[in-house]
């Protein structure tokens, strides 16, 4: 079984294609990611594994005779695309800070149909779910924004019955993680829940704008004495260390992705796009982002087309 070595730095599309130019090389790399200490039978956990003669991609457990492959039970399951194309698509998604559209992946990889490219992107995206490490502390910024189609008049504002805009709550620790949430509303109780679940009781300060939901949320969570407000309505955007610029920068990147790259994101799949943005943003300086993404993919559960769409195509 191949030993996984750190990706050669700097990794770019050219040397990626040269390094993984065959199914054998791709498969060996995935086997090293999934089983760094050697293949393990998914049925009996046996470690005495052999390859099936004439079918090098298929492994066989000597103990129980179960046959399996490195892609079985993962997001790669039942895919007819060459692994080399999977690797290229994954690299493009990890390196495109504003995301990449399924149409672009279809054109770049020469994939036959849009639906196949769309499904490919969503399977990669489904594995780009961050494992959040504890609660945020230090100086934390919190803000909310609204994404979705433009409607006329007051109907464009959440809270008015005809609005189709979706609410995204962002929480960012300065010098630390960014977290995105697709929220059902921006009421004090909802904001308080995100605070309890994501911000440490030992936080130094929580900075927000003057949105009316925050004082109630801070009171409910016992954070009122550490709450600082920047008054955007008075055209004040920075007051010493009091600002929400870092969380707003992340929002700006998200909106450029939605408007300029994906063009349309349905409410049903918004959380998946937020997960992708969060995963990539928090690892933007990592030299092993591509490798880490593949490791998530090889350990993520199967995502069937029916499960993804509920037999209903969406953006």
C-alpha atoms as a PDB file:
ATOM      1  CA  UNK A   1       0.000   0.000   0.000  1.00  0.00           C
ATOM      2  CA  UNK A   2       1.356   3.431  -0.930  1.00  0.00           C
ATOM      3  CA  UNK A   3       2.628   5.744   1.793  1.00  0.00           C
ATOM      4  CA  UNK A   4       1.129   9.240   1.732  1.00  0.00           C
ATOM      5  CA  UNK A   5       3.741  11.952   1.595  1.00  0.00           C
ATOM      6  CA  UNK A   6       3.017  15.649   2.036  1.00  0.00           C
ATOM      7  CA  UNK A   7       2.058  17.308  -1.232  1.00  0.00           C
ATOM      8  CA  UNK A   8       5.061  18.735  -3.060  1.00  0.00           C
ATOM      9  CA  UNK A   9       5.070  22.470  -2.658  1.00  0.00           C
ATOM     10  CA  UNK A  10       4.012  24.531  -4.445  1.00  0.00           C
ATOM     11  CA  UNK A  11       1.275  22.358  -5.930  1.00  0.00           C
ATOM     12  CA  UNK A  12      -0.209  23.771  -9.112  1.00  0.00           C
ATOM     13  CA  UNK A  13      -2.482  22.438 -11.825  1.00  0.00           C
ATOM     14  CA  UNK A  14       0.407  21.596 -14.132  1.00  0.00           C
ATOM     15  CA  UNK A  15       2.361  19.410 -11.708  1.00  0.00           C
ATOM     16  CA  UNK A  16      -0.853  17.961 -10.298  1.00  0.00           C
ATOM     17  CA  UNK A  17      -1.771  16.639 -13.766  1.00  0.00           C
ATOM     18  CA  UNK A  18       1.744  15.290 -14.258  1.00  0.00           C
ATOM     19  CA  UNK A  19       1.794  13.609 -10.851  1.00  0.00           C
ATOM     20  CA  UNK A  20      -1.659  12.003 -11.130  1.00  0.00           C
ATOM     21  CA  UNK A  21      -1.769  11.129 -14.815  1.00  0.00           C
ATOM     22  CA  UNK A  22      -3.170   7.609 -14.418  1.00  0.00           C
ATOM     23  CA  UNK A  23      -5.867   5.759 -12.530  1.00  0.00           C
ATOM     24  CA  UNK A  24      -3.232   3.656 -10.778  1.00  0.00           C
ATOM     25  CA  UNK A  25      -1.429   6.698  -9.347  1.00  0.00           C
ATOM     26  CA  UNK A  26      -4.703   8.294  -8.213  1.00  0.00           C
ATOM     27  CA  UNK A  27      -5.952   5.081  -6.636  1.00  0.00           C
ATOM     28  CA  UNK A  28      -2.680   4.443  -4.802  1.00  0.00           C
ATOM     29  CA  UNK A  29      -2.760   7.962  -3.384  1.00  0.00           C
ATOM     30  CA  UNK A  30      -6.340   7.518  -2.162  1.00  0.00           C
ATOM     31  CA  UNK A  31      -5.445   4.168  -0.598  1.00  0.00           C
ATOM     32  CA  UNK A  32      -2.648   5.844   1.313  1.00  0.00           C
ATOM     33  CA  UNK A  33      -5.035   8.544   2.552  1.00  0.00           C
ATOM     34  CA  UNK A  34      -7.777   6.114   3.558  1.00  0.00           C
ATOM     35  CA  UNK A  35      -5.545   3.414   5.024  1.00  0.00           C
ATOM     36  CA  UNK A  36      -2.214   4.949   6.093  1.00  0.00           C
ATOM     37  CA  UNK A  37      -1.373   1.741   7.995  1.00  0.00           C
ATOM     38  CA  UNK A  38      -2.599  -0.635   5.293  1.00  0.00           C
ATOM     39  CA  UNK A  39      -6.029  -1.570   3.921  1.00  0.00           C
ATOM     40  CA  UNK A  40      -8.705  -2.756   6.345  1.00  0.00           C
ATOM     41  CA  UNK A  41     -11.713  -4.895   5.437  1.00  0.00           C
ATOM     42  CA  UNK A  42     -14.920  -2.844   5.822  1.00  0.00           C
ATOM     43  CA  UNK A  43     -16.840  -5.962   6.907  1.00  0.00           C
ATOM     44  CA  UNK A  44     -14.636  -7.796   9.436  1.00  0.00           C
ATOM     45  CA  UNK A  45     -11.843  -5.235   9.976  1.00  0.00           C
ATOM     46  CA  UNK A  46      -9.332  -7.830   8.801  1.00  0.00           C
ATOM     47  CA  UNK A  47      -5.926  -6.534   7.777  1.00  0.00           C
ATOM     48  CA  UNK A  48      -4.783  -9.391   5.575  1.00  0.00           C
ATOM     49  CA  UNK A  49      -5.722  -7.979   2.194  1.00  0.00           C
ATOM     50  CA  UNK A  50      -4.896  -9.128  -1.326  1.00  0.00           C
ATOM     51  CA  UNK A  51      -5.583  -7.698  -4.761  1.00  0.00           C
ATOM     52  CA  UNK A  52      -7.939  -9.526  -7.098  1.00  0.00           C
ATOM     53  CA  UNK A  53      -5.916 -10.806 -10.018  1.00  0.00           C
ATOM     54  CA  UNK A  54      -6.748  -9.005 -13.229  1.00  0.00           C
ATOM     55  CA  UNK A  55      -8.745  -6.331 -11.345  1.00  0.00           C
ATOM     56  CA  UNK A  56      -6.088  -4.226  -9.651  1.00  0.00           C
ATOM     57  CA  UNK A  57      -8.608  -1.714  -8.295  1.00  0.00           C
ATOM     58  CA  UNK A  58     -10.421  -4.449  -6.328  1.00  0.00           C
ATOM     59  CA  UNK A  59      -9.154  -5.653  -2.949  1.00  0.00           C
ATOM     60  CA  UNK A  60     -10.109  -8.911  -1.230  1.00  0.00           C
ATOM     61  CA  UNK A  61     -10.143  -9.729   2.476  1.00  0.00           C
ATOM     62  CA  UNK A  62      -8.331 -13.046   2.994  1.00  0.00           C
ATOM     63  CA  UNK A  63     -10.341 -13.697   6.166  1.00  0.00           C
ATOM     64  CA  UNK A  64     -13.950 -13.196   5.000  1.00  0.00           C
ATOM     65  CA  UNK A  65     -13.433 -12.984   1.214  1.00  0.00           C
ATOM     66  CA  UNK A  66     -15.211  -9.623   0.993  1.00  0.00           C
ATOM     67  CA  UNK A  67     -14.234  -7.665  -2.097  1.00  0.00           C
ATOM     68  CA  UNK A  68     -14.018  -3.875  -1.936  1.00  0.00           C
ATOM     69  CA  UNK A  69     -12.192  -0.871  -3.367  1.00  0.00           C
ATOM     70  CA  UNK A  70     -10.781   2.362  -1.989  1.00  0.00           C
ATOM     71  CA  UNK A  71     -13.709   4.359  -3.396  1.00  0.00           C
ATOM     72  CA  UNK A  72     -16.487   2.083  -2.100  1.00  0.00           C
ATOM     73  CA  UNK A  73     -18.698   3.786   0.458  1.00  0.00           C
ATOM     74  CA  UNK A  74     -17.240   7.246  -0.249  1.00  0.00           C
ATOM     75  CA  UNK A  75     -18.292  10.276  -2.310  1.00  0.00           C
ATOM     76  CA  UNK A  76     -16.526   8.595  -5.266  1.00  0.00           C
ATOM     77  CA  UNK A  77     -18.943   5.654  -5.047  1.00  0.00           C
ATOM     78  CA  UNK A  78     -20.365   4.450  -8.404  1.00  0.00           C
ATOM     79  CA  UNK A  79     -18.758   7.297 -10.331  1.00  0.00           C
ATOM     80  CA  UNK A  80     -17.812   6.580 -13.945  1.00  0.00           C
ATOM     81  CA  UNK A  81     -15.510   9.596 -14.183  1.00  0.00           C
ATOM     82  CA  UNK A  82     -11.776   8.893 -14.210  1.00  0.00           C
ATOM     83  CA  UNK A  83     -10.117   9.599 -10.872  1.00  0.00           C
ATOM     84  CA  UNK A  84      -7.742  12.004 -12.633  1.00  0.00           C
ATOM     85  CA  UNK A  85     -10.740  14.226 -13.473  1.00  0.00           C
ATOM     86  CA  UNK A  86     -11.926  14.000  -9.869  1.00  0.00           C
ATOM     87  CA  UNK A  87      -8.489  15.168  -8.735  1.00  0.00           C
ATOM     88  CA  UNK A  88      -8.444  18.098 -11.156  1.00  0.00           C
ATOM     89  CA  UNK A  89     -11.979  19.186 -10.198  1.00  0.00           C
ATOM     90  CA  UNK A  90     -11.084  18.971  -6.503  1.00  0.00           C
ATOM     91  CA  UNK A  91      -7.941  21.027  -7.008  1.00  0.00           C
ATOM     92  CA  UNK A  92      -9.872  23.712  -8.912  1.00  0.00           C
ATOM     93  CA  UNK A  93     -12.519  23.927  -6.165  1.00  0.00           C
ATOM     94  CA  UNK A  94      -9.894  24.224  -3.438  1.00  0.00           C
ATOM     95  CA  UNK A  95      -7.933  26.915  -5.261  1.00  0.00           C
ATOM     96  CA  UNK A  96     -10.859  29.087  -6.428  1.00  0.00           C
ATOM     97  CA  UNK A  97     -11.453  31.431  -3.506  1.00  0.00           C
ATOM     98  CA  UNK A  98     -14.780  32.595  -4.946  1.00  0.00           C
ATOM     99  CA  UNK A  99     -15.796  29.072  -5.920  1.00  0.00           C
ATOM    100  CA  UNK A 100     -16.253  27.624  -9.393  1.00  0.00           C
ATOM    101  CA  UNK A 101     -19.448  26.874 -11.293  1.00  0.00           C
ATOM    102  CA  UNK A 102     -20.527  23.483 -12.553  1.00  0.00           C
ATOM    103  CA  UNK A 103     -20.629  24.945 -16.092  1.00  0.00           C
ATOM    104  CA  UNK A 104     -16.973  25.920 -15.786  1.00  0.00           C
ATOM    105  CA  UNK A 105     -16.011  22.455 -14.521  1.00  0.00           C
ATOM    106  CA  UNK A 106     -17.985  20.917 -17.381  1.00  0.00           C
ATOM    107  CA  UNK A 107     -16.078  23.004 -19.951  1.00  0.00           C
ATOM    108  CA  UNK A 108     -12.633  22.596 -18.382  1.00  0.00           C
ATOM    109  CA  UNK A 109     -12.835  18.819 -17.938  1.00  0.00           C
ATOM    110  CA  UNK A 110     -14.840  18.010 -21.049  1.00  0.00           C
ATOM    111  CA  UNK A 111     -17.632  16.384 -19.059  1.00  0.00           C
ATOM    112  CA  UNK A 112     -20.553  15.326 -21.242  1.00  0.00           C
ATOM    113  CA  UNK A 113     -23.504  16.829 -19.398  1.00  0.00           C
ATOM    114  CA  UNK A 114     -24.178  19.684 -16.984  1.00  0.00           C
ATOM    115  CA  UNK A 115     -25.968  17.360 -14.562  1.00  0.00           C
ATOM    116  CA  UNK A 116     -22.846  15.193 -14.224  1.00  0.00           C
ATOM    117  CA  UNK A 117     -20.658  18.242 -13.545  1.00  0.00           C
ATOM    118  CA  UNK A 118     -23.203  19.643 -11.074  1.00  0.00           C
ATOM    119  CA  UNK A 119     -23.354  16.330  -9.204  1.00  0.00           C
ATOM    120  CA  UNK A 120     -19.550  16.098  -9.201  1.00  0.00           C
ATOM    121  CA  UNK A 121     -19.193  19.564  -7.652  1.00  0.00           C
ATOM    122  CA  UNK A 122     -21.798  18.836  -4.991  1.00  0.00           C
ATOM    123  CA  UNK A 123     -20.129  15.562  -4.040  1.00  0.00           C
ATOM    124  CA  UNK A 124     -16.816  17.339  -3.538  1.00  0.00           C
ATOM    125  CA  UNK A 125     -18.618  20.144  -1.698  1.00  0.00           C
ATOM    126  CA  UNK A 126     -20.364  17.646   0.605  1.00  0.00           C
ATOM    127  CA  UNK A 127     -16.971  16.582   1.945  1.00  0.00           C
ATOM    128  CA  UNK A 128     -15.859  20.181   2.527  1.00  0.00           C
ATOM    129  CA  UNK A 129     -17.559  20.339   5.893  1.00  0.00           C
ATOM    130  CA  UNK A 130     -15.401  21.808   8.599  1.00  0.00           C
ATOM    131  CA  UNK A 131     -14.790  19.994  11.845  1.00  0.00           C
ATOM    132  CA  UNK A 132     -15.057  23.023  14.088  1.00  0.00           C
ATOM    133  CA  UNK A 133     -12.482  23.083  16.838  1.00  0.00           C
ATOM    134  CA  UNK A 134     -14.087  24.254  20.074  1.00  0.00           C
ATOM    135  CA  UNK A 135     -15.584  27.660  20.720  1.00  0.00           C
ATOM    136  CA  UNK A 136     -14.303  31.001  19.532  1.00  0.00           C
ATOM    137  CA  UNK A 137     -12.594  33.305  21.990  1.00  0.00           C
ATOM    138  CA  UNK A 138     -10.537  36.497  22.147  1.00  0.00           C
ATOM    139  CA  UNK A 139     -12.090  39.212  19.979  1.00  0.00           C
ATOM    140  CA  UNK A 140     -15.070  37.916  18.028  1.00  0.00           C
ATOM    141  CA  UNK A 141     -17.056  39.709  15.342  1.00  0.00           C
ATOM    142  CA  UNK A 142     -20.631  38.768  14.513  1.00  0.00           C
ATOM    143  CA  UNK A 143     -22.837  39.974  11.677  1.00  0.00           C
ATOM    144  CA  UNK A 144     -25.737  38.919   9.506  1.00  0.00           C
ATOM    145  CA  UNK A 145     -26.320  39.347   5.793  1.00  0.00           C
ATOM    146  CA  UNK A 146     -28.991  38.482   3.260  1.00  0.00           C
ATOM    147  CA  UNK A 147     -28.561  36.616   0.000  1.00  0.00           C
ATOM    148  CA  UNK A 148     -30.996  35.783  -2.765  1.00  0.00           C
ATOM    149  CA  UNK A 149     -32.918  37.277  -5.653  1.00  0.00           C
ATOM    150  CA  UNK A 150     -33.842  40.937  -5.955  1.00  0.00           C
ATOM    151  CA  UNK A 151     -37.457  41.859  -5.419  1.00  0.00           C
ATOM    152  CA  UNK A 152     -39.143  45.227  -5.580  1.00  0.00           C
ATOM    153  CA  UNK A 153     -40.035  47.459  -2.660  1.00  0.00           C
ATOM    154  CA  UNK A 154     -40.354  46.253   0.919  1.00  0.00           C
ATOM    155  CA  UNK A 155     -40.868  42.681  -0.259  1.00  0.00           C
ATOM    156  CA  UNK A 156     -37.099  42.506  -0.723  1.00  0.00           C
ATOM    157  CA  UNK A 157     -36.540  42.698   3.023  1.00  0.00           C
ATOM    158  CA  UNK A 158     -36.635  39.590   5.248  1.00  0.00           C
ATOM    159  CA  UNK A 159     -39.570  39.794   7.587  1.00  0.00           C
ATOM    160  CA  UNK A 160     -41.930  40.809   4.785  1.00  0.00           C
ATOM    161  CA  UNK A 161     -43.990  37.835   3.687  1.00  0.00           C
ATOM    162  CA  UNK A 162     -42.961  37.775   0.016  1.00  0.00           C
ATOM    163  CA  UNK A 163     -39.192  37.970   0.534  1.00  0.00           C
ATOM    164  CA  UNK A 164     -37.127  35.118  -0.871  1.00  0.00           C
ATOM    165  CA  UNK A 165     -33.856  36.332   0.628  1.00  0.00           C
ATOM    166  CA  UNK A 166     -31.987  33.945   2.895  1.00  0.00           C
ATOM    167  CA  UNK A 167     -30.275  34.948   6.124  1.00  0.00           C
ATOM    168  CA  UNK A 168     -26.625  34.099   6.697  1.00  0.00           C
ATOM    169  CA  UNK A 169     -25.041  34.662  10.105  1.00  0.00           C
ATOM    170  CA  UNK A 170     -21.269  34.999  10.255  1.00  0.00           C
ATOM    171  CA  UNK A 171     -19.076  34.713  13.338  1.00  0.00           C
ATOM    172  CA  UNK A 172     -15.321  35.270  13.098  1.00  0.00           C
ATOM    173  CA  UNK A 173     -12.583  35.192  15.687  1.00  0.00           C
ATOM    174  CA  UNK A 174      -9.872  37.677  14.841  1.00  0.00           C
ATOM    175  CA  UNK A 175      -6.850  35.660  13.905  1.00  0.00           C
ATOM    176  CA  UNK A 176      -8.962  32.495  14.029  1.00  0.00           C
ATOM    177  CA  UNK A 177     -11.886  30.694  12.430  1.00  0.00           C
ATOM    178  CA  UNK A 178     -14.732  32.032  10.340  1.00  0.00           C
ATOM    179  CA  UNK A 179     -18.108  30.303  10.705  1.00  0.00           C
ATOM    180  CA  UNK A 180     -21.162  30.653   8.443  1.00  0.00           C
ATOM    181  CA  UNK A 181     -24.733  29.640   9.277  1.00  0.00           C
ATOM    182  CA  UNK A 182     -27.901  29.546   7.183  1.00  0.00           C
ATOM    183  CA  UNK A 183     -30.330  30.965   9.739  1.00  0.00           C
ATOM    184  CA  UNK A 184     -34.104  30.643   9.746  1.00  0.00           C
ATOM    185  CA  UNK A 185     -34.393  34.233  11.040  1.00  0.00           C
ATOM    186  CA  UNK A 186     -32.341  36.930  12.722  1.00  0.00           C
ATOM    187  CA  UNK A 187     -34.328  37.204  15.935  1.00  0.00           C
ATOM    188  CA  UNK A 188     -32.627  37.581  19.299  1.00  0.00           C
ATOM    189  CA  UNK A 189     -33.330  33.986  20.298  1.00  0.00           C
ATOM    190  CA  UNK A 190     -31.772  32.599  17.116  1.00  0.00           C
ATOM    191  CA  UNK A 191     -28.705  34.826  17.458  1.00  0.00           C
ATOM    192  CA  UNK A 192     -28.388  33.799  21.111  1.00  0.00           C
ATOM    193  CA  UNK A 193     -28.350  30.132  20.103  1.00  0.00           C
ATOM    194  CA  UNK A 194     -25.452  30.692  17.703  1.00  0.00           C
ATOM    195  CA  UNK A 195     -23.603  32.616  20.417  1.00  0.00           C
ATOM    196  CA  UNK A 196     -24.049  29.828  22.983  1.00  0.00           C
ATOM    197  CA  UNK A 197     -22.977  27.132  20.533  1.00  0.00           C
ATOM    198  CA  UNK A 198     -19.957  28.901  19.068  1.00  0.00           C
ATOM    199  CA  UNK A 199     -18.564  31.563  21.389  1.00  0.00           C
ATOM    200  CA  UNK A 200     -16.717  30.795  24.620  1.00  0.00           C
ATOM    201  CA  UNK A 201     -17.911  32.174  27.945  1.00  0.00           C
ATOM    202  CA  UNK A 202     -14.357  33.481  28.330  1.00  0.00           C
ATOM    203  CA  UNK A 203     -14.498  35.641  25.188  1.00  0.00           C
ATOM    204  CA  UNK A 204     -12.942  39.090  25.641  1.00  0.00           C
ATOM    205  CA  UNK A 205     -15.331  41.081  23.453  1.00  0.00           C
ATOM    206  CA  UNK A 206     -18.093  40.474  20.899  1.00  0.00           C
ATOM    207  CA  UNK A 207     -18.419  43.196  18.281  1.00  0.00           C
ATOM    208  CA  UNK A 208     -21.554  43.705  16.176  1.00  0.00           C
ATOM    209  CA  UNK A 209     -23.272  46.496  14.316  1.00  0.00           C
ATOM    210  CA  UNK A 210     -26.335  48.193  15.801  1.00  0.00           C
ATOM    211  CA  UNK A 211     -28.881  45.649  14.511  1.00  0.00           C
ATOM    212  CA  UNK A 212     -31.692  45.514  17.067  1.00  0.00           C
ATOM    213  CA  UNK A 213     -31.485  41.749  17.593  1.00  0.00           C
ATOM    214  CA  UNK A 214     -28.041  41.776  19.202  1.00  0.00           C
ATOM    215  CA  UNK A 215     -28.707  43.474  22.583  1.00  0.00           C
ATOM    216  CA  UNK A 216     -31.394  40.908  23.407  1.00  0.00           C
ATOM    217  CA  UNK A 217     -29.169  38.046  22.281  1.00  0.00           C
ATOM    218  CA  UNK A 218     -26.291  39.292  24.418  1.00  0.00           C
ATOM    219  CA  UNK A 219     -28.564  39.622  27.428  1.00  0.00           C
ATOM    220  CA  UNK A 220     -29.870  36.066  26.982  1.00  0.00           C
ATOM    221  CA  UNK A 221     -26.337  34.667  26.867  1.00  0.00           C
ATOM    222  CA  UNK A 222     -24.860  36.763  29.656  1.00  0.00           C
ATOM    223  CA  UNK A 223     -22.523  38.525  27.229  1.00  0.00           C
ATOM    224  CA  UNK A 224     -23.987  42.035  27.525  1.00  0.00           C
ATOM    225  CA  UNK A 225     -21.000  43.355  29.497  1.00  0.00           C
ATOM    226  CA  UNK A 226     -18.629  42.284  26.701  1.00  0.00           C
ATOM    227  CA  UNK A 227     -20.711  43.514  23.801  1.00  0.00           C
ATOM    228  CA  UNK A 228     -19.358  46.430  21.741  1.00  0.00           C
ATOM    229  CA  UNK A 229     -21.282  48.082  18.906  1.00  0.00           C
ATOM    230  CA  UNK A 230     -20.052  49.904  15.821  1.00  0.00           C
ATOM    231  CA  UNK A 231     -22.604  52.408  14.528  1.00  0.00           C
ATOM    232  CA  UNK A 232     -22.767  51.926  10.775  1.00  0.00           C
ATOM    233  CA  UNK A 233     -25.913  54.042  10.449  1.00  0.00           C
ATOM    234  CA  UNK A 234     -23.906  57.001  11.719  1.00  0.00           C
ATOM    235  CA  UNK A 235     -21.269  56.200   9.050  1.00  0.00           C
ATOM    236  CA  UNK A 236     -18.810  55.024  11.674  1.00  0.00           C
ATOM    237  CA  UNK A 237     -16.994  51.914  10.440  1.00  0.00           C
ATOM    238  CA  UNK A 238     -13.895  51.808  12.624  1.00  0.00           C
ATOM    239  CA  UNK A 239     -13.496  53.080  16.180  1.00  0.00           C
ATOM    240  CA  UNK A 240     -10.087  51.941  17.353  1.00  0.00           C
ATOM    241  CA  UNK A 241     -10.311  48.161  17.601  1.00  0.00           C
ATOM    242  CA  UNK A 242     -14.093  48.232  17.358  1.00  0.00           C
ATOM    243  CA  UNK A 243     -15.183  47.189  13.857  1.00  0.00           C
ATOM    244  CA  UNK A 244     -16.720  44.270  11.970  1.00  0.00           C
ATOM    245  CA  UNK A 245     -14.489  44.553   8.930  1.00  0.00           C
ATOM    246  CA  UNK A 246     -13.010  41.057   9.155  1.00  0.00           C
ATOM    247  CA  UNK A 247     -16.370  39.262   9.172  1.00  0.00           C
ATOM    248  CA  UNK A 248     -17.644  41.619   6.459  1.00  0.00           C
ATOM    249  CA  UNK A 249     -14.624  40.771   4.296  1.00  0.00           C
ATOM    250  CA  UNK A 250     -15.649  37.109   4.472  1.00  0.00           C
ATOM    251  CA  UNK A 251     -19.229  38.066   3.584  1.00  0.00           C
ATOM    252  CA  UNK A 252     -17.927  40.037   0.607  1.00  0.00           C
ATOM    253  CA  UNK A 253     -16.091  36.962  -0.667  1.00  0.00           C
ATOM    254  CA  UNK A 254     -19.229  34.852  -0.207  1.00  0.00           C
ATOM    255  CA  UNK A 255     -21.393  37.317  -2.126  1.00  0.00           C
ATOM    256  CA  UNK A 256     -18.885  37.585  -4.975  1.00  0.00           C
ATOM    257  CA  UNK A 257     -19.051  33.809  -5.206  1.00  0.00           C
ATOM    258  CA  UNK A 258     -22.848  33.768  -5.297  1.00  0.00           C
ATOM    259  CA  UNK A 259     -23.233  36.694  -7.706  1.00  0.00           C
ATOM    260  CA  UNK A 260     -20.179  36.266  -9.916  1.00  0.00           C
ATOM    261  CA  UNK A 261     -19.533  32.512  -9.916  1.00  0.00           C
ATOM    262  CA  UNK A 262     -22.615  30.460  -9.092  1.00  0.00           C
ATOM    263  CA  UNK A 263     -25.092  33.224 -10.138  1.00  0.00           C
ATOM    264  CA  UNK A 264     -27.940  31.441  -8.382  1.00  0.00           C
ATOM    265  CA  UNK A 265     -27.937  29.381  -5.189  1.00  0.00           C
ATOM    266  CA  UNK A 266     -31.150  27.784  -3.975  1.00  0.00           C
ATOM    267  CA  UNK A 267     -32.142  27.934  -0.322  1.00  0.00           C
ATOM    268  CA  UNK A 268     -32.069  24.137  -0.306  1.00  0.00           C
ATOM    269  CA  UNK A 269     -28.341  23.989  -1.102  1.00  0.00           C
ATOM    270  CA  UNK A 270     -27.173  27.259   0.466  1.00  0.00           C
ATOM    271  CA  UNK A 271     -25.719  25.480   3.487  1.00  0.00           C
ATOM    272  CA  UNK A 272     -23.507  23.348   1.224  1.00  0.00           C
ATOM    273  CA  UNK A 273     -22.056  26.448  -0.419  1.00  0.00           C
ATOM    274  CA  UNK A 274     -21.514  28.044   2.998  1.00  0.00           C
ATOM    275  CA  UNK A 275     -19.671  24.902   4.143  1.00  0.00           C
ATOM    276  CA  UNK A 276     -17.452  25.060   1.065  1.00  0.00           C
ATOM    277  CA  UNK A 277     -16.652  28.743   1.616  1.00  0.00           C
ATOM    278  CA  UNK A 278     -15.947  28.210   5.322  1.00  0.00           C
ATOM    279  CA  UNK A 279     -13.785  25.137   4.714  1.00  0.00           C
ATOM    280  CA  UNK A 280     -11.675  26.861   2.067  1.00  0.00           C
ATOM    281  CA  UNK A 281     -11.496  30.244   3.838  1.00  0.00           C
ATOM    282  CA  UNK A 282     -10.229  28.780   7.107  1.00  0.00           C
ATOM    283  CA  UNK A 283      -7.548  26.800   5.231  1.00  0.00           C
ATOM    284  CA  UNK A 284      -6.598  29.486   2.722  1.00  0.00           C
ATOM    285  CA  UNK A 285      -2.973  29.551   3.902  1.00  0.00           C
ATOM    286  CA  UNK A 286      -2.608  25.768   4.144  1.00  0.00           C
ATOM    287  CA  UNK A 287      -0.138  24.059   1.814  1.00  0.00           C
ATOM    288  CA  UNK A 288      -2.047  20.767   2.210  1.00  0.00           C
ATOM    289  CA  UNK A 289      -5.545  22.027   1.344  1.00  0.00           C
ATOM    290  CA  UNK A 290      -5.879  19.712  -1.666  1.00  0.00           C
ATOM    291  CA  UNK A 291      -4.673  16.684   0.308  1.00  0.00           C
ATOM    292  CA  UNK A 292      -6.914  17.543   3.269  1.00  0.00           C
ATOM    293  CA  UNK A 293      -9.929  17.845   0.959  1.00  0.00           C
ATOM    294  CA  UNK A 294      -9.243  14.463  -0.635  1.00  0.00           C
ATOM    295  CA  UNK A 295      -8.909  12.931   2.840  1.00  0.00           C
ATOM    296  CA  UNK A 296     -12.336  14.321   3.751  1.00  0.00           C
ATOM    297  CA  UNK A 297     -13.736  12.959   0.481  1.00  0.00           C
ATOM    298  CA  UNK A 298     -12.374   9.465   1.007  1.00  0.00           C
ATOM    299  CA  UNK A 299     -13.854   9.347   4.505  1.00  0.00           C
ATOM    300  CA  UNK A 300     -17.183  11.037   3.713  1.00  0.00           C
ATOM    301  CA  UNK A 301     -20.357   8.956   3.240  1.00  0.00           C
ATOM    302  CA  UNK A 302     -21.983   8.228  -0.096  1.00  0.00           C
ATOM    303  CA  UNK A 303     -24.067  11.085  -1.498  1.00  0.00           C
ATOM    304  CA  UNK A 304     -26.566   9.706  -4.007  1.00  0.00           C
ATOM    305  CA  UNK A 305     -28.162  11.901  -6.655  1.00  0.00           C
ATOM    306  CA  UNK A 306     -31.638  11.183  -5.274  1.00  0.00           C
ATOM    307  CA  UNK A 307     -30.544  12.176  -1.777  1.00  0.00           C
ATOM    308  CA  UNK A 308     -28.956  15.357  -3.072  1.00  0.00           C
ATOM    309  CA  UNK A 309     -31.961  16.442  -5.101  1.00  0.00           C
ATOM    310  CA  UNK A 310     -34.842  14.581  -3.520  1.00  0.00           C
ATOM    311  CA  UNK A 311     -35.527  13.882  -7.190  1.00  0.00           C
ATOM    312  CA  UNK A 312     -35.704  17.637  -7.756  1.00  0.00           C
ATOM    313  CA  UNK A 313     -32.959  19.502  -9.590  1.00  0.00           C
ATOM    314  CA  UNK A 314     -31.718  22.597  -7.808  1.00  0.00           C
ATOM    315  CA  UNK A 315     -28.869  25.059  -8.224  1.00  0.00           C
END
